[in-house]
Amino acid sequence: MEPNAVKTSYRRWAPIYDRTFGAITNVGRQRAVAHINGRSGTVLEVGVGTGLSLQHYKADLAVTGIDFSHDMLAKAEEKVSGLGLSQVTELRQMDARVLDFPDASFDTVAAMHVLSVVPEPERVMGEIARVLKPGGQVVITNHFKREAGFLALVERVTAPLENVLGWHSDFEMERVLGQGCLSIAQQSKLPPMGMMTFLVLQKA
């Protein structure tokens, strides 16, 4: 997606995101946060959106959230303030293609339903790998392209509408697996109907 299309799309989605796409992706978000809560240290959530995950992180984590959309971040900031979420240390507007953090800054990086939204996802994954500490994990939930069946057909038909929908419906998993320092540690399908994938990548 083009950056301007991302801004426009998520300005449109922000007021209703929690009740629509946010509800659809809730299972993946819960699975990702549960995994991260089994770890310790610093967490970067790339594409924090309206902050739906933030209240579910355990209290002894130090969570930084970034998002490209000011409209989405405003919703996240309301949650942090209203719920008193002390585990959230910082929320920042940022382009995930150029992360403003030093190398090896975070123990865990979460990317929940964002990689099929961002422009240049390969570049984003390069930045994620850069800011992740050696031995750290990238925790991903995302929809990936199907190769066969009715839903694969639907994905192909809707693919040209990506700038309207706000995501790539035919996004290939290979686009997030190009970093040589990252290897698959876990992979499983998520409900409903296995539409989403839970993926954990380990940094050497």
Protein backbone atom coordinates (compact mmCIF):
# COMPACT_ATOMS: atom_id res chain seq x y z
CA MET A 1 0.00 0.00 0.00
CA GLU A 2 1.05 3.58 -0.62
CA PRO A 3 1.76 5.70 2.51
CA ASN A 4 -0.98 8.21 1.67
CA ALA A 5 -3.45 5.36 1.18
CA VAL A 6 -2.51 4.01 4.62
CA LYS A 7 -3.15 7.39 6.22
CA THR A 8 -6.49 7.81 4.47
CA SER A 9 -7.61 4.26 5.16
CA TYR A 10 -6.85 4.37 8.86
CA ARG A 11 -8.30 7.81 9.33
CA ARG A 12 -11.49 6.19 8.02
CA TRP A 13 -11.11 3.07 10.19
CA ALA A 14 -10.02 4.71 13.47
CA PRO A 15 -13.48 5.64 14.85
CA ILE A 16 -14.92 2.15 14.26
CA TYR A 17 -11.81 -0.07 14.28
CA ASP A 18 -12.36 -1.62 17.73
CA ARG A 19 -15.87 -2.82 16.83
CA THR A 20 -15.02 -4.06 13.32
CA PHE A 21 -11.60 -5.27 12.24
CA GLY A 22 -10.38 -5.13 15.84
CA ALA A 23 -13.05 -7.64 16.86
CA ILE A 24 -12.24 -9.95 13.95
CA THR A 25 -8.54 -10.05 14.87
CA ASN A 26 -9.07 -10.45 18.61
CA VAL A 27 -8.16 -14.17 18.71
CA GLY A 28 -4.78 -13.52 17.12
CA ARG A 29 -4.10 -10.59 19.41
CA GLN A 30 -4.89 -12.67 22.51
CA ARG A 31 -2.63 -15.49 21.30
CA ALA A 32 0.26 -13.13 20.61
CA VAL A 33 0.01 -11.29 23.94
CA ALA A 34 -0.27 -14.57 25.88
CA HIS A 35 2.97 -15.72 24.28
CA ILE A 36 4.71 -12.40 24.99
CA ASN A 37 3.52 -12.48 28.62
CA GLY A 38 5.55 -15.67 29.01
CA ARG A 39 8.65 -13.63 28.29
CA SER A 40 10.31 -10.70 30.07
CA GLY A 41 11.96 -7.37 29.34
CA THR A 42 11.23 -4.82 26.65
CA VAL A 43 8.54 -5.10 23.98
CA LEU A 44 8.04 -3.08 20.81
CA GLU A 45 4.59 -3.31 19.25
CA VAL A 46 4.78 -2.24 15.62
CA GLY A 47 1.42 -0.97 14.41
CA VAL A 48 -0.12 -0.58 17.84
CA GLY A 49 -3.23 0.93 16.25
CA THR A 50 -5.93 1.91 18.74
CA GLY A 51 -4.10 0.05 21.52
CA LEU A 52 -6.42 -2.96 21.82
CA SER A 53 -3.61 -5.17 23.11
CA LEU A 54 -2.06 -2.76 25.61
CA GLN A 55 -4.17 -3.53 28.69
CA HIS A 56 -3.44 -7.26 28.34
CA TYR A 57 0.34 -7.08 28.67
CA LYS A 58 1.56 -8.12 32.11
CA ALA A 59 2.61 -5.34 34.45
CA ASP A 60 6.35 -6.10 34.57
CA LEU A 61 6.92 -5.68 30.82
CA ALA A 62 8.09 -2.37 29.34
CA VAL A 63 6.00 -1.84 26.21
CA THR A 64 6.64 0.73 23.50
CA GLY A 65 4.00 1.16 20.80
CA ILE A 66 4.41 2.82 17.44
CA ASP A 67 1.98 3.54 14.62
CA PHE A 68 2.01 5.49 11.37
CA SER A 69 -1.50 6.87 11.97
CA HIS A 70 -1.99 9.82 14.32
CA ASP A 71 -5.71 9.01 14.44
CA MET A 72 -5.08 5.46 15.65
CA LEU A 73 -2.48 6.61 18.19
CA ALA A 74 -4.92 9.11 19.68
CA LYS A 75 -7.25 6.21 20.50
CA ALA A 76 -4.36 4.24 22.02
CA GLU A 77 -3.32 7.20 24.17
CA GLU A 78 -6.88 7.47 25.50
CA LYS A 79 -6.73 3.83 26.61
CA VAL A 80 -3.34 4.20 28.29
CA SER A 81 -4.47 7.30 30.18
CA GLY A 82 -7.95 6.06 31.02
CA LEU A 83 -6.85 2.62 32.22
CA GLY A 84 -3.61 3.72 33.90
CA LEU A 85 -1.44 1.28 31.94
CA SER A 86 1.93 1.61 33.62
CA GLN A 87 3.46 -1.17 31.50
CA VAL A 88 3.21 1.12 28.47
CA THR A 89 6.33 3.26 28.60
CA GLU A 90 5.90 5.15 25.32
CA LEU A 91 3.61 5.61 22.32
CA ARG A 92 5.14 7.24 19.25
CA GLN A 93 4.15 8.13 15.71
CA MET A 94 6.69 6.44 13.45
CA ASP A 95 7.20 4.93 10.02
CA ALA A 96 8.01 1.23 10.57
CA ARG A 97 10.31 1.31 7.55
CA VAL A 98 12.68 3.62 9.46
CA LEU A 99 12.50 2.78 13.16
CA ASP A 100 13.99 5.48 15.37
CA PHE A 101 15.62 3.06 17.84
CA PRO A 102 19.20 1.82 18.21
CA ASP A 103 20.20 -1.68 17.15
CA ALA A 104 19.28 -4.48 19.56
CA SER A 105 16.87 -2.37 21.64
CA PHE A 106 14.07 -4.86 22.37
CA ASP A 107 13.69 -8.39 23.74
CA THR A 108 10.46 -8.94 21.78
CA VAL A 109 8.86 -7.27 18.78
CA ALA A 110 5.14 -7.76 18.14
CA ALA A 111 3.61 -7.23 14.70
CA MET A 112 -0.09 -8.02 14.95
CA HIS A 113 -2.12 -7.71 11.74
CA VAL A 114 0.14 -4.98 10.41
CA LEU A 115 2.58 -6.51 7.93
CA SER A 116 -0.04 -6.81 5.19
CA VAL A 117 -0.85 -3.12 5.72
CA VAL A 118 2.53 -1.39 5.67
CA PRO A 119 4.31 -0.25 2.52
CA GLU A 120 7.48 -2.27 1.82
CA PRO A 121 6.97 -5.07 4.38
CA GLU A 122 10.40 -6.54 3.59
CA ARG A 123 11.99 -3.26 4.64
CA VAL A 124 9.87 -3.24 7.81
CA MET A 125 11.08 -6.76 8.64
CA GLY A 126 14.65 -5.61 8.15
CA GLU A 127 14.11 -2.86 10.70
CA ILE A 128 12.38 -5.25 13.10
CA ALA A 129 15.35 -7.62 12.87
CA ARG A 130 17.75 -4.74 13.45
CA VAL A 131 16.13 -3.45 16.67
CA LEU A 132 15.60 -6.96 18.09
CA LYS A 133 18.20 -8.24 20.54
CA PRO A 134 20.11 -11.43 19.71
CA GLY A 135 18.06 -14.34 21.04
CA GLY A 136 14.91 -12.22 20.92
CA GLN A 137 11.63 -13.08 19.23
CA VAL A 138 9.34 -11.51 16.66
CA VAL A 139 5.70 -12.43 17.38
CA ILE A 140 3.47 -12.11 14.32
CA THR A 141 -0.23 -12.61 13.72
CA ASN A 142 -1.36 -11.98 10.18
CA HIS A 143 -3.45 -13.15 7.28
CA PHE A 144 -1.37 -14.84 4.59
CA LYS A 145 -2.32 -15.81 1.06
CA ARG A 146 -4.00 -19.17 0.47
CA GLU A 147 -2.98 -21.24 -2.52
CA ALA A 148 -6.28 -23.04 -3.19
CA GLY A 149 -9.99 -23.11 -2.37
CA PHE A 150 -12.85 -20.62 -2.33
CA LEU A 151 -11.14 -18.20 0.09
CA ALA A 152 -8.06 -18.11 -2.16
CA LEU A 153 -10.35 -16.98 -4.98
CA VAL A 154 -11.86 -14.28 -2.77
CA GLU A 155 -8.36 -13.04 -1.91
CA ARG A 156 -7.41 -12.75 -5.58
CA VAL A 157 -10.63 -10.93 -6.46
CA THR A 158 -10.29 -8.39 -3.64
CA ALA A 159 -6.51 -7.84 -4.04
CA PRO A 160 -6.93 -4.79 -6.35
CA LEU A 161 -8.97 -3.09 -3.61
CA GLU A 162 -6.08 -2.95 -1.12
CA ASN A 163 -5.98 0.85 -0.92
CA VAL A 164 -9.72 0.90 -0.11
CA LEU A 165 -9.78 -2.04 2.30
CA GLY A 166 -6.57 -1.04 4.06
CA TRP A 167 -4.65 -4.33 3.68
CA HIS A 168 -3.30 -6.82 1.13
CA SER A 169 -5.74 -9.73 0.89
CA ASP A 170 -3.22 -11.87 -1.04
CA PHE A 171 -0.16 -11.23 1.15
CA GLU A 172 2.49 -13.98 0.88
CA MET A 173 4.27 -15.31 3.99
CA GLU A 174 7.59 -15.34 2.16
CA ARG A 175 7.59 -11.55 2.36
CA VAL A 176 8.26 -11.72 6.13
CA LEU A 177 10.79 -14.57 6.02
CA GLY A 178 13.64 -12.91 4.16
CA GLN A 179 15.85 -11.98 7.12
CA GLY A 180 18.68 -14.50 7.45
CA CYS A 181 19.05 -13.89 11.20
CA LEU A 182 15.41 -14.88 11.84
CA SER A 183 14.13 -18.45 11.81
CA ILE A 184 10.68 -19.92 12.45
CA ALA A 185 10.26 -21.08 16.06
CA GLN A 186 6.47 -21.58 16.03
CA GLN A 187 3.73 -21.54 13.40
CA SER A 188 0.03 -22.37 13.68
CA LYS A 189 -3.34 -21.44 12.18
CA LEU A 190 -5.87 -19.39 14.13
CA PRO A 191 -9.67 -19.34 14.06
CA PRO A 192 -11.97 -18.58 12.41
CA MET A 193 -11.37 -21.12 9.64
CA GLY A 194 -7.61 -20.77 9.88
CA MET A 195 -7.82 -17.35 8.25
CA MET A 196 -5.01 -15.96 10.42
CA THR A 197 -1.57 -17.36 11.25
CA PHE A 198 0.38 -17.19 14.50
CA LEU A 199 4.11 -17.03 13.76
CA VAL A 200 7.12 -16.70 16.07
CA LEU A 201 10.54 -15.91 14.61
CA GLN A 202 13.72 -16.33 16.68
CA LYS A 203 16.81 -14.16 16.20
CA ALA A 204 20.10 -16.02 16.18
